[in-house]
């Protein structure tokens, strides 16, 4: 974070609380040696891990299983010039344990596009960062844009 840029750094607890309140985020991974960003619905597990539910045959699963990825979610109010953004960085892995899979079937996120053979992907929260816009246009004496 940069000093005096109108943002407040969020601690890990605040970041996870905010993530728990939104249904969609973006997974950032590598595709063909280039960055790729894909919107996904998700859930948070008990330990703060991000959990995705998707088709076993998904290209996304093959691209991220075992890879370090970033996951970002945010909430923005363009009228009030307010909002926040949280990024979770960590290793993504397909949940292989049958008991864990069954627990997530009951308690995990629901897929918006169900498929007959679904898997869960966990992103371990190795690094959790976030920031909240605190200044907006009024910080510098400017009126908000109508």
Protein backbone atom coordinates (compact mmCIF):
# COMPACT_ATOMS: atom_id res chain seq x y z
CA UNK A 1 0.00 0.00 0.00
CA UNK A 2 1.13 3.53 -0.68
CA UNK A 3 0.99 6.23 2.00
CA UNK A 4 -1.70 8.90 1.59
CA UNK A 5 -3.38 7.18 -1.37
CA UNK A 6 -6.89 7.28 0.10
CA UNK A 7 -6.99 3.59 1.04
CA UNK A 8 -6.89 1.79 4.39
CA UNK A 9 -5.15 -1.57 4.71
CA UNK A 10 -7.42 -4.35 6.01
CA UNK A 11 -6.24 -7.03 8.40
CA UNK A 12 -6.77 -10.73 7.72
CA UNK A 13 -9.88 -10.99 9.90
CA UNK A 14 -11.54 -8.04 8.14
CA UNK A 15 -10.62 -9.47 4.74
CA UNK A 16 -12.20 -12.85 5.48
CA UNK A 17 -15.34 -11.20 6.93
CA UNK A 18 -15.78 -9.16 3.75
CA UNK A 19 -15.15 -12.17 1.48
CA UNK A 20 -17.83 -14.12 3.31
CA UNK A 21 -20.40 -11.51 2.27
CA UNK A 22 -20.01 -11.68 -1.51
CA UNK A 23 -20.91 -14.55 -3.86
CA UNK A 24 -18.54 -13.94 -6.78
CA UNK A 25 -14.83 -13.32 -7.16
CA UNK A 26 -12.11 -13.77 -9.75
CA UNK A 27 -9.47 -16.45 -9.93
CA UNK A 28 -6.14 -15.39 -11.42
CA UNK A 29 -3.98 -18.14 -12.89
CA UNK A 30 -1.59 -18.80 -15.74
CA UNK A 31 -2.88 -19.92 -19.12
CA UNK A 32 -0.42 -20.43 -21.94
CA UNK A 33 2.26 -18.57 -19.93
CA UNK A 34 -0.02 -15.52 -19.71
CA UNK A 35 -2.18 -14.25 -16.84
CA UNK A 36 -5.81 -15.32 -17.02
CA UNK A 37 -8.70 -14.03 -14.93
CA UNK A 38 -11.99 -15.87 -14.60
CA UNK A 39 -15.08 -14.88 -12.56
CA UNK A 40 -16.33 -17.70 -10.31
CA UNK A 41 -18.77 -18.18 -7.48
CA UNK A 42 -17.12 -19.42 -4.28
CA UNK A 43 -17.41 -20.06 -0.58
CA UNK A 44 -15.10 -19.75 2.40
CA UNK A 45 -14.22 -22.80 4.43
CA UNK A 46 -13.80 -22.82 8.21
CA UNK A 47 -10.08 -22.05 8.02
CA UNK A 48 -10.51 -19.17 5.59
CA UNK A 49 -9.66 -21.22 2.51
CA UNK A 50 -11.46 -20.20 -0.68
CA UNK A 51 -13.47 -23.11 -2.10
CA UNK A 52 -14.67 -23.42 -5.69
CA UNK A 53 -17.06 -26.08 -7.00
CA UNK A 54 -16.78 -26.95 -10.66
CA UNK A 55 -16.92 -29.72 -13.22
CA UNK A 56 -14.27 -32.41 -12.94
CA UNK A 57 -13.68 -32.00 -16.70
CA UNK A 58 -13.17 -28.24 -16.44
CA UNK A 59 -10.12 -26.71 -18.09
CA UNK A 60 -9.85 -24.54 -15.00
CA UNK A 61 -9.28 -27.58 -12.78
CA UNK A 62 -6.43 -28.78 -14.97
CA UNK A 63 -4.93 -25.29 -15.09
CA UNK A 64 -4.90 -24.60 -11.35
CA UNK A 65 -4.58 -27.95 -9.54
CA UNK A 66 -1.27 -27.73 -7.67
CA UNK A 67 -0.52 -24.18 -8.87
CA UNK A 68 -0.16 -20.99 -6.87
CA UNK A 69 -3.05 -18.71 -7.79
CA UNK A 70 -4.60 -15.46 -6.65
CA UNK A 71 -8.26 -14.99 -5.86
CA UNK A 72 -9.81 -11.52 -5.72
CA UNK A 73 -13.23 -10.30 -4.69
CA UNK A 74 -14.50 -6.80 -4.12
CA UNK A 75 -17.47 -4.57 -3.62
CA UNK A 76 -17.58 -1.13 -5.20
CA UNK A 77 -20.08 1.73 -4.97
CA UNK A 78 -19.30 3.88 -8.01
CA UNK A 79 -21.70 6.62 -6.92
CA UNK A 80 -20.28 7.03 -3.41
CA UNK A 81 -16.72 6.29 -4.55
CA UNK A 82 -16.40 3.68 -1.82
CA UNK A 83 -15.49 0.03 -1.66
CA UNK A 84 -12.99 -2.63 -0.83
CA UNK A 85 -10.89 -5.32 -2.49
CA UNK A 86 -9.42 -8.51 -1.00
CA UNK A 87 -6.82 -10.83 -2.55
CA UNK A 88 -6.09 -14.36 -1.33
CA UNK A 89 -2.91 -15.93 -2.68
CA UNK A 90 -2.06 -19.60 -2.22
CA UNK A 91 -1.83 -23.07 -3.70
CA UNK A 92 -4.97 -24.47 -5.33
CA UNK A 93 -5.64 -28.18 -4.98
CA UNK A 94 -8.51 -30.47 -5.86
CA UNK A 95 -10.06 -31.96 -2.72
CA UNK A 96 -9.25 -35.66 -2.91
CA UNK A 97 -10.30 -36.91 0.51
CA UNK A 98 -13.76 -38.55 0.19
CA UNK A 99 -14.92 -37.43 3.67
CA UNK A 100 -13.83 -33.85 2.99
CA UNK A 101 -15.58 -33.96 -0.39
CA UNK A 102 -18.82 -35.16 1.25
CA UNK A 103 -18.59 -32.43 3.89
CA UNK A 104 -18.21 -29.83 1.14
CA UNK A 105 -21.16 -31.31 -0.79
CA UNK A 106 -23.25 -30.51 2.30
CA UNK A 107 -21.60 -27.29 3.50
CA UNK A 108 -19.62 -25.92 0.56
CA UNK A 109 -20.54 -23.57 -2.24
CA UNK A 110 -23.21 -24.49 -4.77
CA UNK A 111 -22.21 -24.44 -8.42
CA UNK A 112 -24.10 -21.97 -10.58
CA UNK A 113 -23.67 -24.39 -13.49
CA UNK A 114 -24.06 -27.87 -11.96
CA UNK A 115 -22.50 -30.84 -13.70
CA UNK A 116 -22.79 -34.58 -13.04
CA UNK A 117 -19.19 -34.92 -11.83
CA UNK A 118 -18.20 -31.99 -9.68
CA UNK A 119 -15.01 -31.42 -7.72
CA UNK A 120 -14.02 -28.90 -5.08
CA UNK A 121 -10.89 -26.82 -5.39
CA UNK A 122 -9.36 -25.31 -2.25
CA UNK A 123 -7.13 -22.26 -2.31
CA UNK A 124 -5.08 -22.24 0.88
CA UNK A 125 -4.89 -18.67 2.22
CA UNK A 126 -1.11 -18.25 2.44
CA UNK A 127 -1.31 -14.49 1.89
CA UNK A 128 -4.48 -12.46 2.53
CA UNK A 129 -4.42 -8.75 1.76
CA UNK A 130 -7.08 -6.13 1.36
CA UNK A 131 -7.77 -2.47 1.20
CA UNK A 132 -10.75 -0.21 1.61
CA UNK A 133 -11.28 3.11 -0.14
CA UNK A 134 -11.54 5.67 2.64
CA UNK A 135 -11.04 8.99 0.86
CA UNK A 136 -12.95 8.99 -2.37
CA UNK A 137 -13.30 12.30 -4.18
CA UNK A 138 -14.18 14.20 -1.00
CA UNK A 139 -10.67 13.58 0.38
CA UNK A 140 -9.34 16.34 -1.86
CA UNK A 141 -12.33 18.68 -1.56
CA UNK A 142 -13.89 17.45 -4.79
CA UNK A 143 -17.59 16.85 -5.03
CA UNK A 144 -18.66 13.30 -5.86
CA UNK A 145 -19.63 12.84 -9.48
CA UNK A 146 -23.46 12.65 -9.78
